[in-house]
């Protein structure tokens, strides 16, 4: 996790125990953005040229 978020969570709760809590949200967001970005890139890609 970014140090600023880690520090903010520590300041708010006085413990590092909650630092891993946002990880599933970050991972799910990355998965969705990657999946949609790859799908969009593949659909906008020029068709492959067949060898002669």
PDB file of N, CA and C in Angstrom:
ATOM      1  N   UNK A   1       0.852  -1.176   0.000  1.00  0.00           N
ATOM      2  CA  UNK A   1       0.000   0.000   0.000  1.00  0.00           C
ATOM      3  C   UNK A   1       0.893   1.232   0.000  1.00  0.00           C
ATOM      4  N   UNK A   2       0.406   2.302  -0.594  1.00  0.00           N
ATOM      5  CA  UNK A   2       1.195   3.532  -0.594  1.00  0.00           C
ATOM      6  C   UNK A   2       1.467   4.006   0.836  1.00  0.00           C
ATOM      7  N   UNK A   3       2.638   4.558   1.069  1.00  0.00           N
ATOM      8  CA  UNK A   3       2.990   5.003   2.418  1.00  0.00           C
ATOM      9  C   UNK A   3       2.026   6.037   3.008  1.00  0.00           C
ATOM     10  N   UNK A   4       1.477   6.902   2.169  1.00  0.00           N
ATOM     11  CA  UNK A   4       0.542   7.906   2.704  1.00  0.00           C
ATOM     12  C   UNK A   4      -0.725   7.252   3.238  1.00  0.00           C
ATOM     13  N   UNK A   5      -1.224   6.256   2.537  1.00  0.00           N
ATOM     14  CA  UNK A   5      -2.408   5.544   3.010  1.00  0.00           C
ATOM     15  C   UNK A   5      -2.090   4.758   4.278  1.00  0.00           C
ATOM     16  N   UNK A   6      -0.936   4.116   4.287  1.00  0.00           N
ATOM     17  CA  UNK A   6      -0.520   3.361   5.468  1.00  0.00           C
ATOM     18  C   UNK A   6      -0.418   4.284   6.680  1.00  0.00           C
ATOM     19  N   UNK A   7       0.227   5.426   6.496  1.00  0.00           N
ATOM     20  CA  UNK A   7       0.362   6.388   7.593  1.00  0.00           C
ATOM     21  C   UNK A   7      -0.977   6.935   8.043  1.00  0.00           C
ATOM     22  N   UNK A   8      -1.868   7.196   7.092  1.00  0.00           N
ATOM     23  CA  UNK A   8      -3.198   7.711   7.448  1.00  0.00           C
ATOM     24  C   UNK A   8      -3.985   6.693   8.263  1.00  0.00           C
ATOM     25  N   UNK A   9      -3.931   5.425   7.852  1.00  0.00           N
ATOM     26  CA  UNK A   9      -4.626   4.384   8.612  1.00  0.00           C
ATOM     27  C   UNK A   9      -4.025   4.232  10.006  1.00  0.00           C
ATOM     28  N   UNK A  10      -2.706   4.309  10.093  1.00  0.00           N
ATOM     29  CA  UNK A  10      -2.070   4.198  11.403  1.00  0.00           C
ATOM     30  C   UNK A  10      -2.457   5.370  12.295  1.00  0.00           C
ATOM     31  N   UNK A  11      -2.450   6.580  11.734  1.00  0.00           N
ATOM     32  CA  UNK A  11      -2.835   7.762  12.513  1.00  0.00           C
ATOM     33  C   UNK A  11      -4.287   7.680  12.977  1.00  0.00           C
ATOM     34  N   UNK A  12      -5.155   7.181  12.118  1.00  0.00           N
ATOM     35  CA  UNK A  12      -6.580   7.127  12.452  1.00  0.00           C
ATOM     36  C   UNK A  12      -6.895   6.058  13.494  1.00  0.00           C
ATOM     37  N   UNK A  13      -6.200   4.901  13.412  1.00  0.00           N
ATOM     38  CA  UNK A  13      -6.574   3.775  14.271  1.00  0.00           C
ATOM     39  C   UNK A  13      -5.488   3.363  15.258  1.00  0.00           C
ATOM     40  N   UNK A  14      -4.285   3.935  15.133  1.00  0.00           N
ATOM     41  CA  UNK A  14      -3.218   3.617  16.068  1.00  0.00           C
ATOM     42  C   UNK A  14      -2.643   2.221  15.913  1.00  0.00           C
ATOM     43  N   UNK A  15      -2.879   1.598  14.778  1.00  0.00           N
ATOM     44  CA  UNK A  15      -2.396   0.241  14.557  1.00  0.00           C
ATOM     45  C   UNK A  15      -2.225   0.007  13.058  1.00  0.00           C
ATOM     46  N   UNK A  16      -1.321  -0.889  12.722  1.00  0.00           N
ATOM     47  CA  UNK A  16      -1.135  -1.263  11.322  1.00  0.00           C
ATOM     48  C   UNK A  16      -2.020  -2.448  10.929  1.00  0.00           C
ATOM     49  N   UNK A  17      -2.873  -2.899  11.816  1.00  0.00           N
ATOM     50  CA  UNK A  17      -3.693  -4.079  11.567  1.00  0.00           C
ATOM     51  C   UNK A  17      -4.653  -3.882  10.386  1.00  0.00           C
ATOM     52  N   UNK A  18      -5.110  -2.680  10.146  1.00  0.00           N
ATOM     53  CA  UNK A  18      -6.072  -2.437   9.067  1.00  0.00           C
ATOM     54  C   UNK A  18      -5.420  -2.107   7.732  1.00  0.00           C
ATOM     55  N   UNK A  19      -4.098  -2.053   7.682  1.00  0.00           N
ATOM     56  CA  UNK A  19      -3.420  -1.707   6.432  1.00  0.00           C
ATOM     57  C   UNK A  19      -3.764  -2.680   5.307  1.00  0.00           C
ATOM     58  N   UNK A  20      -3.821  -4.002   5.540  1.00  0.00           N
ATOM     59  CA  UNK A  20      -4.160  -4.913   4.437  1.00  0.00           C
ATOM     60  C   UNK A  20      -5.632  -4.876   4.023  1.00  0.00           C
ATOM     61  N   UNK A  21      -6.490  -4.235   4.787  1.00  0.00           N
ATOM     62  CA  UNK A  21      -7.932  -4.249   4.498  1.00  0.00           C
ATOM     63  C   UNK A  21      -8.285  -3.715   3.111  1.00  0.00           C
ATOM     64  N   UNK A  22      -7.677  -2.634   2.608  1.00  0.00           N
ATOM     65  CA  UNK A  22      -8.046  -2.136   1.277  1.00  0.00           C
ATOM     66  C   UNK A  22      -7.482  -2.960   0.122  1.00  0.00           C
ATOM     67  N   UNK A  23      -6.607  -3.908   0.386  1.00  0.00           N
ATOM     68  CA  UNK A  23      -5.980  -4.668  -0.691  1.00  0.00           C
ATOM     69  C   UNK A  23      -6.973  -5.397  -1.600  1.00  0.00           C
ATOM     70  N   UNK A  24      -8.002  -6.056  -1.088  1.00  0.00           N
ATOM     71  CA  UNK A  24      -8.959  -6.699  -2.007  1.00  0.00           C
ATOM     72  C   UNK A  24      -9.661  -5.704  -2.928  1.00  0.00           C
ATOM     73  N   UNK A  25      -9.942  -4.522  -2.428  1.00  0.00           N
ATOM     74  CA  UNK A  25     -10.593  -3.501  -3.254  1.00  0.00           C
ATOM     75  C   UNK A  25      -9.639  -3.040  -4.351  1.00  0.00           C
ATOM     76  N   UNK A  26      -8.383  -2.814  -3.994  1.00  0.00           N
ATOM     77  CA  UNK A  26      -7.382  -2.390  -4.971  1.00  0.00           C
ATOM     78  C   UNK A  26      -7.173  -3.485  -6.019  1.00  0.00           C
ATOM     79  N   UNK A  27      -7.092  -4.735  -5.573  1.00  0.00           N
ATOM     80  CA  UNK A  27      -6.886  -5.850  -6.496  1.00  0.00           C
ATOM     81  C   UNK A  27      -8.084  -6.010  -7.442  1.00  0.00           C
ATOM     82  N   UNK A  28      -9.292  -5.901  -6.926  1.00  0.00           N
ATOM     83  CA  UNK A  28     -10.488  -6.037  -7.767  1.00  0.00           C
ATOM     84  C   UNK A  28     -10.565  -4.897  -8.785  1.00  0.00           C
ATOM     85  N   UNK A  29     -10.227  -3.699  -8.357  1.00  0.00           N
ATOM     86  CA  UNK A  29     -10.225  -2.558  -9.270  1.00  0.00           C
ATOM     87  C   UNK A  29      -9.195  -2.758 -10.375  1.00  0.00           C
ATOM     88  N   UNK A  30      -8.011  -3.219 -10.005  1.00  0.00           N
ATOM     89  CA  UNK A  30      -6.973  -3.478 -11.009  1.00  0.00           C
ATOM     90  C   UNK A  30      -7.412  -4.563 -11.986  1.00  0.00           C
ATOM     91  N   UNK A  31      -8.070  -5.590 -11.475  1.00  0.00           N
ATOM     92  CA  UNK A  31      -8.559  -6.667 -12.342  1.00  0.00           C
ATOM     93  C   UNK A  31      -9.574  -6.150 -13.352  1.00  0.00           C
ATOM     94  N   UNK A  32     -10.524  -5.359 -12.884  1.00  0.00           N
ATOM     95  CA  UNK A  32     -11.557  -4.813 -13.776  1.00  0.00           C
ATOM     96  C   UNK A  32     -10.938  -3.887 -14.815  1.00  0.00           C
ATOM     97  N   UNK A  33     -10.050  -2.996 -14.382  1.00  0.00           N
ATOM     98  CA  UNK A  33      -9.433  -2.069 -15.326  1.00  0.00           C
ATOM     99  C   UNK A  33      -8.560  -2.801 -16.337  1.00  0.00           C
ATOM    100  N   UNK A  34      -7.852  -3.813 -15.895  1.00  0.00           N
ATOM    101  CA  UNK A  34      -7.018  -4.594 -16.809  1.00  0.00           C
ATOM    102  C   UNK A  34      -7.879  -5.365 -17.802  1.00  0.00           C
ATOM    103  N   UNK A  35      -8.922  -6.004 -17.313  1.00  0.00           N
ATOM    104  CA  UNK A  35      -9.790  -6.798 -18.192  1.00  0.00           C
ATOM    105  C   UNK A  35     -10.469  -5.917 -19.238  1.00  0.00           C
ATOM    106  N   UNK A  36     -10.985  -4.783 -18.834  1.00  0.00           N
ATOM    107  CA  UNK A  36     -11.661  -3.912 -19.799  1.00  0.00           C
ATOM    108  C   UNK A  36     -10.660  -3.251 -20.728  1.00  0.00           C
ATOM    109  N   UNK A  37      -9.486  -2.908 -20.222  1.00  0.00           N
ATOM    110  CA  UNK A  37      -8.463  -2.295 -21.070  1.00  0.00           C
ATOM    111  C   UNK A  37      -7.948  -3.260 -22.110  1.00  0.00           C
ATOM    112  N   UNK A  38      -7.717  -4.501 -21.744  1.00  0.00           N
ATOM    113  CA  UNK A  38      -7.246  -5.507 -22.690  1.00  0.00           C
ATOM    114  C   UNK A  38      -8.326  -5.791 -23.722  1.00  0.00           C
ATOM    115  N   UNK A  39      -9.551  -5.923 -23.290  1.00  0.00           N
ATOM    116  CA  UNK A  39     -10.653  -6.185 -24.222  1.00  0.00           C
ATOM    117  C   UNK A  39     -10.782  -5.033 -25.222  1.00  0.00           C
ATOM    118  N   UNK A  40     -10.677  -3.806 -24.726  1.00  0.00           N
ATOM    119  CA  UNK A  40     -10.791  -2.635 -25.593  1.00  0.00           C
ATOM    120  C   UNK A  40      -9.615  -2.588 -26.577  1.00  0.00           C
ATOM    121  N   UNK A  41      -8.409  -2.892 -26.111  1.00  0.00           N
ATOM    122  CA  UNK A  41      -7.235  -2.866 -26.985  1.00  0.00           C
ATOM    123  C   UNK A  41      -7.335  -3.936 -28.068  1.00  0.00           C
ATOM    124  N   UNK A  42      -7.826  -5.107 -27.711  1.00  0.00           N
ATOM    125  CA  UNK A  42      -7.955  -6.187 -28.698  1.00  0.00           C
ATOM    126  C   UNK A  42      -9.031  -5.852 -29.720  1.00  0.00           C
ATOM    127  N   UNK A  43     -10.122  -5.261 -29.290  1.00  0.00           N
ATOM    128  CA  UNK A  43     -11.198  -4.953 -30.230  1.00  0.00           C
ATOM    129  C   UNK A  43     -10.830  -3.807 -31.170  1.00  0.00           C
ATOM    130  N   UNK A  44      -9.906  -2.924 -30.764  1.00  0.00           N
ATOM    131  CA  UNK A  44      -9.502  -1.806 -31.610  1.00  0.00           C
ATOM    132  C   UNK A  44      -8.230  -2.101 -32.405  1.00  0.00           C
ATOM    133  N   UNK A  45      -7.701  -3.287 -32.249  1.00  0.00           N
ATOM    134  CA  UNK A  45      -6.470  -3.657 -32.942  1.00  0.00           C
ATOM    135  C   UNK A  45      -6.767  -3.900 -34.415  1.00  0.00           C
ATOM    136  N   UNK A  46      -5.806  -3.537 -35.256  1.00  0.00           N
ATOM    137  CA  UNK A  46      -5.953  -3.782 -36.696  1.00  0.00           C
ATOM    138  C   UNK A  46      -5.917  -5.284 -36.938  1.00  0.00           C
ATOM    139  N   UNK A  47      -6.692  -5.768 -37.895  1.00  0.00           N
ATOM    140  CA  UNK A  47      -6.685  -7.205 -38.163  1.00  0.00           C
ATOM    141  C   UNK A  47      -5.306  -7.659 -38.664  1.00  0.00           C
ATOM    142  N   UNK A  48      -4.962  -8.878 -38.313  1.00  0.00           N
ATOM    143  CA  UNK A  48      -3.679  -9.436 -38.732  1.00  0.00           C
ATOM    144  C   UNK A  48      -3.682  -9.665 -40.232  1.00  0.00           C
ATOM    145  N   UNK A  49      -2.547  -9.432 -40.863  1.00  0.00           N
ATOM    146  CA  UNK A  49      -2.419  -9.641 -42.304  1.00  0.00           C
ATOM    147  C   UNK A  49      -2.055 -11.097 -42.538  1.00  0.00           C
ATOM    148  N   UNK A  50      -2.821 -11.770 -43.399  1.00  0.00           N
ATOM    149  CA  UNK A  50      -2.572 -13.171 -43.700  1.00  0.00           C
ATOM    150  C   UNK A  50      -1.345 -13.286 -44.598  1.00  0.00           C
ATOM    151  N   UNK A  51      -0.480 -14.268 -44.334  1.00  0.00           N
ATOM    152  CA  UNK A  51       0.705 -14.439 -45.202  1.00  0.00           C
ATOM    153  C   UNK A  51       0.289 -14.905 -46.591  1.00  0.00           C
ATOM    154  N   UNK A  52       1.060 -14.509 -47.577  1.00  0.00           N
ATOM    155  CA  UNK A  52       0.737 -14.864 -48.969  1.00  0.00           C
ATOM    156  C   UNK A  52       1.392 -16.144 -49.351  1.00  0.00           C
TER     157      UNK A  52
END
